[in-house]
Amino acid sequence: MSVQVTAMSGEASEFEHAGWLFRCCEGPLGNSEQYEALGATLGVRAPLPEMVFPANSLEITHLSSGLTFSFTAKGALEAWHRAQKRRCE
């Protein structure tokens, strides 16, 4: 069963399958203030990718154990930044 709800940062949807709960949040393209704040938070000197969606996330929860995997725009950009740093070393 899929459920659509309105979240403060955008649209969220969730569904269950085989004992797992999937929750996806989608928000708008980040504005220039969000873009700059995210760069400052990450300590990024090089430019971020041109399009950043700071409210986007995916959370996957195993219902019986409570184990949760969480993927966020900030986390993805942190991983991207670490990879860029390794490339330049």
PDB file of N, CA and C in Angstrom:
ATOM      1  N   MET A   1       0.843  -1.184   0.000  1.00  0.00           N
ATOM      2  CA  MET A   1       0.000   0.000   0.000  1.00  0.00           C
ATOM      3  C   MET A   1       0.883   1.240   0.000  1.00  0.00           C
ATOM      4  N   SER A   2       0.629   2.155  -0.867  1.00  0.00           N
ATOM      5  CA  SER A   2       1.397   3.389  -0.967  1.00  0.00           C
ATOM      6  C   SER A   2       0.595   4.535  -0.366  1.00  0.00           C
ATOM      7  N   VAL A   3       1.267   5.402   0.376  1.00  0.00           N
ATOM      8  CA  VAL A   3       0.615   6.524   1.031  1.00  0.00           C
ATOM      9  C   VAL A   3       1.332   7.796   0.614  1.00  0.00           C
ATOM     10  N   GLN A   4       0.585   8.817   0.247  1.00  0.00           N
ATOM     11  CA  GLN A   4       1.154  10.121  -0.076  1.00  0.00           C
ATOM     12  C   GLN A   4       0.780  11.091   1.042  1.00  0.00           C
ATOM     13  N   VAL A   5       1.754  11.787   1.589  1.00  0.00           N
ATOM     14  CA  VAL A   5       1.497  12.805   2.602  1.00  0.00           C
ATOM     15  C   VAL A   5       2.266  14.054   2.228  1.00  0.00           C
ATOM     16  N   THR A   6       1.834  15.184   2.741  1.00  0.00           N
ATOM     17  CA  THR A   6       2.552  16.426   2.494  1.00  0.00           C
ATOM     18  C   THR A   6       3.452  16.696   3.682  1.00  0.00           C
ATOM     19  N   ALA A   7       4.737  16.780   3.437  1.00  0.00           N
ATOM     20  CA  ALA A   7       5.706  17.081   4.486  1.00  0.00           C
ATOM     21  C   ALA A   7       6.062  18.559   4.396  1.00  0.00           C
ATOM     22  N   MET A   8       6.648  19.090   5.461  1.00  0.00           N
ATOM     23  CA  MET A   8       7.020  20.505   5.465  1.00  0.00           C
ATOM     24  C   MET A   8       7.993  20.830   4.344  1.00  0.00           C
ATOM     25  N   SER A   9       8.869  19.897   4.009  1.00  0.00           N
ATOM     26  CA  SER A   9       9.893  20.174   3.014  1.00  0.00           C
ATOM     27  C   SER A   9       9.495  19.724   1.612  1.00  0.00           C
ATOM     28  N   GLY A  10       8.314  19.148   1.461  1.00  0.00           N
ATOM     29  CA  GLY A  10       7.912  18.671   0.154  1.00  0.00           C
ATOM     30  C   GLY A  10       6.949  17.510   0.281  1.00  0.00           C
ATOM     31  N   GLU A  11       6.986  16.617  -0.685  1.00  0.00           N
ATOM     32  CA  GLU A  11       6.091  15.467  -0.704  1.00  0.00           C
ATOM     33  C   GLU A  11       6.805  14.234  -0.164  1.00  0.00           C
ATOM     34  N   ALA A  12       6.073  13.459   0.636  1.00  0.00           N
ATOM     35  CA  ALA A  12       6.618  12.207   1.155  1.00  0.00           C
ATOM     36  C   ALA A  12       5.687  11.077   0.746  1.00  0.00           C
ATOM     37  N   SER A  13       6.254   9.935   0.431  1.00  0.00           N
ATOM     38  CA  SER A  13       5.439   8.759   0.147  1.00  0.00           C
ATOM     39  C   SER A  13       6.090   7.575   0.833  1.00  0.00           C
ATOM     40  N   GLU A  14       5.271   6.601   1.196  1.00  0.00           N
ATOM     41  CA  GLU A  14       5.820   5.415   1.833  1.00  0.00           C
ATOM     42  C   GLU A  14       5.000   4.203   1.439  1.00  0.00           C
ATOM     43  N   PHE A  15       5.664   3.049   1.477  1.00  0.00           N
ATOM     44  CA  PHE A  15       4.973   1.794   1.223  1.00  0.00           C
ATOM     45  C   PHE A  15       5.730   0.674   1.917  1.00  0.00           C
ATOM     46  N   GLU A  16       5.020  -0.409   2.189  1.00  0.00           N
ATOM     47  CA  GLU A  16       5.615  -1.583   2.811  1.00  0.00           C
ATOM     48  C   GLU A  16       5.710  -2.698   1.786  1.00  0.00           C
ATOM     49  N   HIS A  17       6.789  -3.473   1.903  1.00  0.00           N
ATOM     50  CA  HIS A  17       6.963  -4.636   1.038  1.00  0.00           C
ATOM     51  C   HIS A  17       7.838  -5.651   1.755  1.00  0.00           C
ATOM     52  N   ALA A  18       7.348  -6.860   1.903  1.00  0.00           N
ATOM     53  CA  ALA A  18       8.105  -7.990   2.449  1.00  0.00           C
ATOM     54  C   ALA A  18       8.792  -7.656   3.776  1.00  0.00           C
ATOM     55  N   GLY A  19       8.081  -6.961   4.660  1.00  0.00           N
ATOM     56  CA  GLY A  19       8.637  -6.657   5.967  1.00  0.00           C
ATOM     57  C   GLY A  19       9.509  -5.414   6.032  1.00  0.00           C
ATOM     58  N   TRP A  20       9.553  -4.662   4.962  1.00  0.00           N
ATOM     59  CA  TRP A  20      10.346  -3.430   4.903  1.00  0.00           C
ATOM     60  C   TRP A  20       9.415  -2.255   4.659  1.00  0.00           C
ATOM     61  N   LEU A  21       9.739  -1.115   5.275  1.00  0.00           N
ATOM     62  CA  LEU A  21       9.014   0.133   5.049  1.00  0.00           C
ATOM     63  C   LEU A  21       9.933   1.068   4.283  1.00  0.00           C
ATOM     64  N   PHE A  22       9.458   1.567   3.156  1.00  0.00           N
ATOM     65  CA  PHE A  22      10.212   2.493   2.318  1.00  0.00           C
ATOM     66  C   PHE A  22       9.551   3.859   2.421  1.00  0.00           C
ATOM     67  N   ARG A  23      10.325   4.884   2.766  1.00  0.00           N
ATOM     68  CA  ARG A  23       9.795   6.247   2.865  1.00  0.00           C
ATOM     69  C   ARG A  23      10.695   7.165   2.040  1.00  0.00           C
ATOM     70  N   CYS A  24      10.080   7.857   1.111  1.00  0.00           N
ATOM     71  CA  CYS A  24      10.800   8.755   0.209  1.00  0.00           C
ATOM     72  C   CYS A  24      10.249  10.168   0.387  1.00  0.00           C
ATOM     73  N   CYS A  25      11.134  11.131   0.587  1.00  0.00           N
ATOM     74  CA  CYS A  25      10.738  12.534   0.682  1.00  0.00           C
ATOM     75  C   CYS A  25      11.361  13.283  -0.482  1.00  0.00           C
ATOM     76  N   GLU A  26      10.546  14.025  -1.181  1.00  0.00           N
ATOM     77  CA  GLU A  26      11.013  14.817  -2.322  1.00  0.00           C
ATOM     78  C   GLU A  26      10.686  16.275  -2.091  1.00  0.00           C
ATOM     79  N   GLY A  27      11.664  17.120  -2.294  1.00  0.00           N
ATOM     80  CA  GLY A  27      11.454  18.549  -2.140  1.00  0.00           C
ATOM     81  C   GLY A  27      11.918  19.288  -3.374  1.00  0.00           C
ATOM     82  N   PRO A  28      11.754  20.585  -3.348  1.00  0.00           N
ATOM     83  CA  PRO A  28      12.133  21.395  -4.509  1.00  0.00           C
ATOM     84  C   PRO A  28      13.650  21.567  -4.621  1.00  0.00           C
ATOM     85  N   LEU A  29      14.052  22.052  -5.741  1.00  0.00           N
ATOM     86  CA  LEU A  29      15.443  22.424  -5.975  1.00  0.00           C
ATOM     87  C   LEU A  29      15.836  23.458  -4.927  1.00  0.00           C
ATOM     88  N   GLY A  30      17.014  23.300  -4.337  1.00  0.00           N
ATOM     89  CA  GLY A  30      17.468  24.236  -3.312  1.00  0.00           C
ATOM     90  C   GLY A  30      17.716  25.628  -3.877  1.00  0.00           C
ATOM     91  N   ASN A  31      17.468  26.627  -3.045  1.00  0.00           N
ATOM     92  CA  ASN A  31      17.735  28.003  -3.476  1.00  0.00           C
ATOM     93  C   ASN A  31      19.193  28.363  -3.178  1.00  0.00           C
ATOM     94  N   SER A  32      19.606  29.553  -3.528  1.00  0.00           N
ATOM     95  CA  SER A  32      21.016  29.939  -3.387  1.00  0.00           C
ATOM     96  C   SER A  32      21.463  29.956  -1.925  1.00  0.00           C
ATOM     97  N   GLU A  33      20.583  30.359  -0.996  1.00  0.00           N
ATOM     98  CA  GLU A  33      20.950  30.354   0.426  1.00  0.00           C
ATOM     99  C   GLU A  33      21.207  28.933   0.919  1.00  0.00           C
ATOM    100  N   GLN A  34      20.331  28.001   0.565  1.00  0.00           N
ATOM    101  CA  GLN A  34      20.503  26.605   0.961  1.00  0.00           C
ATOM    102  C   GLN A  34      21.769  26.025   0.347  1.00  0.00           C
ATOM    103  N   TYR A  35      22.022  26.374  -0.902  1.00  0.00           N
ATOM    104  CA  TYR A  35      23.197  25.903  -1.631  1.00  0.00           C
ATOM    105  C   TYR A  35      24.471  26.354  -0.920  1.00  0.00           C
ATOM    106  N   GLU A  36      24.542  27.628  -0.590  1.00  0.00           N
ATOM    107  CA  GLU A  36      25.728  28.170   0.075  1.00  0.00           C
ATOM    108  C   GLU A  36      25.883  27.612   1.488  1.00  0.00           C
ATOM    109  N   ALA A  37      24.772  27.477   2.220  1.00  0.00           N
ATOM    110  CA  ALA A  37      24.822  26.938   3.580  1.00  0.00           C
ATOM    111  C   ALA A  37      25.294  25.489   3.564  1.00  0.00           C
ATOM    112  N   LEU A  38      24.837  24.722   2.604  1.00  0.00           N
ATOM    113  CA  LEU A  38      25.260  23.326   2.502  1.00  0.00           C
ATOM    114  C   LEU A  38      26.741  23.237   2.183  1.00  0.00           C
ATOM    115  N   GLY A  39      27.228  24.051   1.292  1.00  0.00           N
ATOM    116  CA  GLY A  39      28.659  24.093   0.974  1.00  0.00           C
ATOM    117  C   GLY A  39      29.485  24.454   2.190  1.00  0.00           C
ATOM    118  N   ALA A  40      29.021  25.442   2.971  1.00  0.00           N
ATOM    119  CA  ALA A  40      29.740  25.860   4.181  1.00  0.00           C
ATOM    120  C   ALA A  40      29.728  24.750   5.231  1.00  0.00           C
ATOM    121  N   THR A  41      28.589  24.091   5.414  1.00  0.00           N
ATOM    122  CA  THR A  41      28.477  23.000   6.381  1.00  0.00           C
ATOM    123  C   THR A  41      29.420  21.861   6.033  1.00  0.00           C
ATOM    124  N   LEU A  42      29.546  21.567   4.743  1.00  0.00           N
ATOM    125  CA  LEU A  42      30.408  20.472   4.295  1.00  0.00           C
ATOM    126  C   LEU A  42      31.868  20.892   4.200  1.00  0.00           C
ATOM    127  N   GLY A  43      32.128  22.198   4.267  1.00  0.00           N
ATOM    128  CA  GLY A  43      33.490  22.684   4.117  1.00  0.00           C
ATOM    129  C   GLY A  43      34.004  22.519   2.705  1.00  0.00           C
ATOM    130  N   VAL A  44      33.114  22.644   1.751  1.00  0.00           N
ATOM    131  CA  VAL A  44      33.456  22.440   0.340  1.00  0.00           C
ATOM    132  C   VAL A  44      33.980  23.732  -0.252  1.00  0.00           C
ATOM    133  N   ARG A  45      35.186  23.672  -0.798  1.00  0.00           N
ATOM    134  CA  ARG A  45      35.752  24.843  -1.483  1.00  0.00           C
ATOM    135  C   ARG A  45      35.406  24.826  -2.961  1.00  0.00           C
ATOM    136  N   ALA A  46      35.389  23.623  -3.530  1.00  0.00           N
ATOM    137  CA  ALA A  46      35.007  23.498  -4.939  1.00  0.00           C
ATOM    138  C   ALA A  46      33.495  23.655  -5.043  1.00  0.00           C
ATOM    139  N   PRO A  47      33.001  24.044  -6.194  1.00  0.00           N
ATOM    140  CA  PRO A  47      31.556  24.206  -6.333  1.00  0.00           C
ATOM    141  C   PRO A  47      30.821  22.866  -6.163  1.00  0.00           C
ATOM    142  N   LEU A  48      29.646  22.947  -5.565  1.00  0.00           N
ATOM    143  CA  LEU A  48      28.770  21.784  -5.473  1.00  0.00           C
ATOM    144  C   LEU A  48      28.198  21.499  -6.854  1.00  0.00           C
ATOM    145  N   PRO A  49      27.589  20.329  -7.043  1.00  0.00           N
ATOM    146  CA  PRO A  49      26.885  20.105  -8.311  1.00  0.00           C
ATOM    147  C   PRO A  49      25.870  21.232  -8.544  1.00  0.00           C
ATOM    148  N   GLU A  50      25.576  21.518  -9.792  1.00  0.00           N
ATOM    149  CA  GLU A  50      24.709  22.651 -10.130  1.00  0.00           C
ATOM    150  C   GLU A  50      23.323  22.562  -9.511  1.00  0.00           C
ATOM    151  N   MET A  51      22.757  21.366  -9.470  1.00  0.00           N
ATOM    152  CA  MET A  51      21.405  21.198  -8.946  1.00  0.00           C
ATOM    153  C   MET A  51      21.469  20.389  -7.657  1.00  0.00           C
ATOM    154  N   VAL A  52      20.980  20.982  -6.563  1.00  0.00           N
ATOM    155  CA  VAL A  52      20.979  20.327  -5.261  1.00  0.00           C
ATOM    156  C   VAL A  52      19.551  20.337  -4.724  1.00  0.00           C
ATOM    157  N   PHE A  53      19.095  19.188  -4.267  1.00  0.00           N
ATOM    158  CA  PHE A  53      17.754  19.030  -3.706  1.00  0.00           C
ATOM    159  C   PHE A  53      17.901  18.671  -2.228  1.00  0.00           C
ATOM    160  N   PRO A  54      18.072  19.664  -1.344  1.00  0.00           N
ATOM    161  CA  PRO A  54      18.416  19.392   0.046  1.00  0.00           C
ATOM    162  C   PRO A  54      17.346  18.650   0.844  1.00  0.00           C
ATOM    163  N   ALA A  55      16.098  18.669   0.416  1.00  0.00           N
ATOM    164  CA  ALA A  55      15.036  18.005   1.173  1.00  0.00           C
ATOM    165  C   ALA A  55      14.820  16.555   0.753  1.00  0.00           C
ATOM    166  N   ASN A  56      15.515  16.079  -0.279  1.00  0.00           N
ATOM    167  CA  ASN A  56      15.299  14.713  -0.749  1.00  0.00           C
ATOM    168  C   ASN A  56      15.948  13.697   0.176  1.00  0.00           C
ATOM    169  N   SER A  57      15.221  12.600   0.426  1.00  0.00           N
ATOM    170  CA  SER A  57      15.775  11.526   1.243  1.00  0.00           C
ATOM    171  C   SER A  57      15.044  10.219   0.956  1.00  0.00           C
ATOM    172  N   LEU A  58      15.693   9.126   1.319  1.00  0.00           N
ATOM    173  CA  LEU A  58      15.105   7.796   1.238  1.00  0.00           C
ATOM    174  C   LEU A  58      15.457   7.084   2.528  1.00  0.00           C
ATOM    175  N   GLU A  59      14.458   6.531   3.183  1.00  0.00           N
ATOM    176  CA  GLU A  59      14.673   5.783   4.416  1.00  0.00           C
ATOM    177  C   GLU A  59      14.041   4.402   4.244  1.00  0.00           C
ATOM    178  N   ILE A  60      14.822   3.363   4.541  1.00  0.00           N
ATOM    179  CA  ILE A  60      14.351   1.991   4.409  1.00  0.00           C
ATOM    180  C   ILE A  60      14.472   1.334   5.781  1.00  0.00           C
ATOM    181  N   THR A  61      13.356   0.847   6.322  1.00  0.00           N
ATOM    182  CA  THR A  61      13.338   0.271   7.662  1.00  0.00           C
ATOM    183  C   THR A  61      12.855  -1.168   7.619  1.00  0.00           C
ATOM    184  N   HIS A  62      13.621  -2.069   8.253  1.00  0.00           N
ATOM    185  CA  HIS A  62      13.199  -3.447   8.441  1.00  0.00           C
ATOM    186  C   HIS A  62      12.298  -3.456   9.665  1.00  0.00           C
ATOM    187  N   LEU A  63      11.020  -3.728   9.458  1.00  0.00           N
ATOM    188  CA  LEU A  63      10.034  -3.515  10.506  1.00  0.00           C
ATOM    189  C   LEU A  63      10.234  -4.399  11.735  1.00  0.00           C
ATOM    190  N   SER A  64      10.623  -5.641  11.562  1.00  0.00           N
ATOM    191  CA  SER A  64      10.741  -6.520  12.730  1.00  0.00           C
ATOM    192  C   SER A  64      11.981  -6.245  13.565  1.00  0.00           C
ATOM    193  N   SER A  65      13.049  -5.770  12.953  1.00  0.00           N
ATOM    194  CA  SER A  65      14.281  -5.523  13.709  1.00  0.00           C
ATOM    195  C   SER A  65      14.495  -4.041  14.036  1.00  0.00           C
ATOM    196  N   GLY A  66      13.856  -3.160  13.271  1.00  0.00           N
ATOM    197  CA  GLY A  66      14.059  -1.727  13.460  1.00  0.00           C
ATOM    198  C   GLY A  66      15.296  -1.191  12.754  1.00  0.00           C
ATOM    199  N   LEU A  67      16.042  -2.054  12.062  1.00  0.00           N
ATOM    200  CA  LEU A  67      17.226  -1.625  11.316  1.00  0.00           C
ATOM    201  C   LEU A  67      16.796  -0.640  10.230  1.00  0.00           C
ATOM    202  N   THR A  68      17.462   0.513  10.179  1.00  0.00           N
ATOM    203  CA  THR A  68      17.095   1.551   9.223  1.00  0.00           C
ATOM    204  C   THR A  68      18.305   2.012   8.426  1.00  0.00           C
ATOM    205  N   PHE A  69      18.116   2.115   7.133  1.00  0.00           N
ATOM    206  CA  PHE A  69      19.101   2.703   6.231  1.00  0.00           C
ATOM    207  C   PHE A  69      18.533   4.057   5.815  1.00  0.00           C
ATOM    208  N   SER A  70      19.344   5.104   5.904  1.00  0.00           N
ATOM    209  CA  SER A  70      18.874   6.446   5.582  1.00  0.00           C
ATOM    210  C   SER A  70      19.824   7.089   4.573  1.00  0.00           C
ATOM    211  N   PHE A  71      19.257   7.584   3.491  1.00  0.00           N
ATOM    212  CA  PHE A  71      20.016   8.245   2.438  1.00  0.00           C
ATOM    213  C   PHE A  71      19.482   9.663   2.306  1.00  0.00           C
ATOM    214  N   THR A  72      20.364  10.656   2.468  1.00  0.00           N
ATOM    215  CA  THR A  72      19.952  12.060   2.380  1.00  0.00           C
ATOM    216  C   THR A  72      20.785  12.784   1.339  1.00  0.00           C
ATOM    217  N   ALA A  73      20.287  13.924   0.909  1.00  0.00           N
ATOM    218  CA  ALA A  73      21.042  14.738  -0.035  1.00  0.00           C
ATOM    219  C   ALA A  73      22.364  15.173   0.585  1.00  0.00           C
ATOM    220  N   LYS A  74      22.333  15.583   1.848  1.00  0.00           N
ATOM    221  CA  LYS A  74      23.559  16.002   2.529  1.00  0.00           C
ATOM    222  C   LYS A  74      24.559  14.850   2.608  1.00  0.00           C
ATOM    223  N   GLY A  75      24.087  13.656   2.960  1.00  0.00           N
ATOM    224  CA  GLY A  75      24.970  12.493   3.032  1.00  0.00           C
ATOM    225  C   GLY A  75      25.583  12.149   1.688  1.00  0.00           C
ATOM    226  N   ALA A  76      24.778  12.259   0.632  1.00  0.00           N
ATOM    227  CA  ALA A  76      25.292  11.989  -0.713  1.00  0.00           C
ATOM    228  C   ALA A  76      26.364  13.005  -1.096  1.00  0.00           C
ATOM    229  N   LEU A  77      26.141  14.271  -0.751  1.00  0.00           N
ATOM    230  CA  LEU A  77      27.128  15.304  -1.075  1.00  0.00           C
ATOM    231  C   LEU A  77      28.399  15.149  -0.236  1.00  0.00           C
ATOM    232  N   GLU A  78      28.262  14.684   1.000  1.00  0.00           N
ATOM    233  CA  GLU A  78      29.455  14.412   1.811  1.00  0.00           C
ATOM    234  C   GLU A  78      30.297  13.316   1.158  1.00  0.00           C
ATOM    235  N   ALA A  79      29.643  12.252   0.694  1.00  0.00           N
ATOM    236  CA  ALA A  79      30.360  11.167   0.018  1.00  0.00           C
ATOM    237  C   ALA A  79      31.002  11.660  -1.276  1.00  0.00           C
ATOM    238  N   TRP A  80      30.278  12.492  -2.023  1.00  0.00           N
ATOM    239  CA  TRP A  80      30.817  13.072  -3.262  1.00  0.00           C
ATOM    240  C   TRP A  80      32.052  13.912  -2.953  1.00  0.00           C
ATOM    241  N   HIS A  81      31.966  14.720  -1.901  1.00  0.00           N
ATOM    242  CA  HIS A  81      33.086  15.596  -1.521  1.00  0.00           C
ATOM    243  C   HIS A  81      34.317  14.775  -1.131  1.00  0.00           C
ATOM    244  N   ARG A  82      34.130  13.707  -0.361  1.00  0.00           N
ATOM    245  CA  ARG A  82      35.262  12.830   0.023  1.00  0.00           C
ATOM    246  C   ARG A  82      35.895  12.214  -1.219  1.00  0.00           C
ATOM    247  N   ALA A  83      35.059  11.801  -2.171  1.00  0.00           N
ATOM    248  CA  ALA A  83      35.581  11.199  -3.413  1.00  0.00           C
ATOM    249  C   ALA A  83      36.360  12.243  -4.212  1.00  0.00           C
ATOM    250  N   GLN A  84      35.883  13.486  -4.260  1.00  0.00           N
ATOM    251  CA  GLN A  84      36.593  14.537  -4.976  1.00  0.00           C
ATOM    252  C   GLN A  84      37.958  14.809  -4.332  1.00  0.00           C
ATOM    253  N   LYS A  85      37.991  14.816  -3.007  1.00  0.00           N
ATOM    254  CA  LYS A  85      39.253  15.052  -2.301  1.00  0.00           C
ATOM    255  C   LYS A  85      40.264  13.942  -2.599  1.00  0.00           C
ATOM    256  N   ARG A  86      39.783  12.687  -2.602  1.00  0.00           N
ATOM    257  CA  ARG A  86      40.681  11.555  -2.905  1.00  0.00           C
ATOM    258  C   ARG A  86      41.216  11.651  -4.321  1.00  0.00           C
ATOM    259  N   ARG A  87      40.366  12.098  -5.248  1.00  0.00           N
ATOM    260  CA  ARG A  87      40.787  12.230  -6.646  1.00  0.00           C
ATOM    261  C   ARG A  87      41.901  13.246  -6.808  1.00  0.00           C
ATOM    262  N   CYS A  88      41.889  14.283  -5.982  1.00  0.00           N
ATOM    263  CA  CYS A  88      42.861  15.365  -6.106  1.00  0.00           C
ATOM    264  C   CYS A  88      44.140  15.088  -5.328  1.00  0.00           C
ATOM    265  N   GLU A  89      44.173  14.051  -4.530  1.00  0.00           N
ATOM    266  CA  GLU A  89      45.389  13.767  -3.727  1.00  0.00           C
ATOM    267  C   GLU A  89      46.430  13.050  -4.539  1.00  0.00           C
TER     268      GLU A  89
END
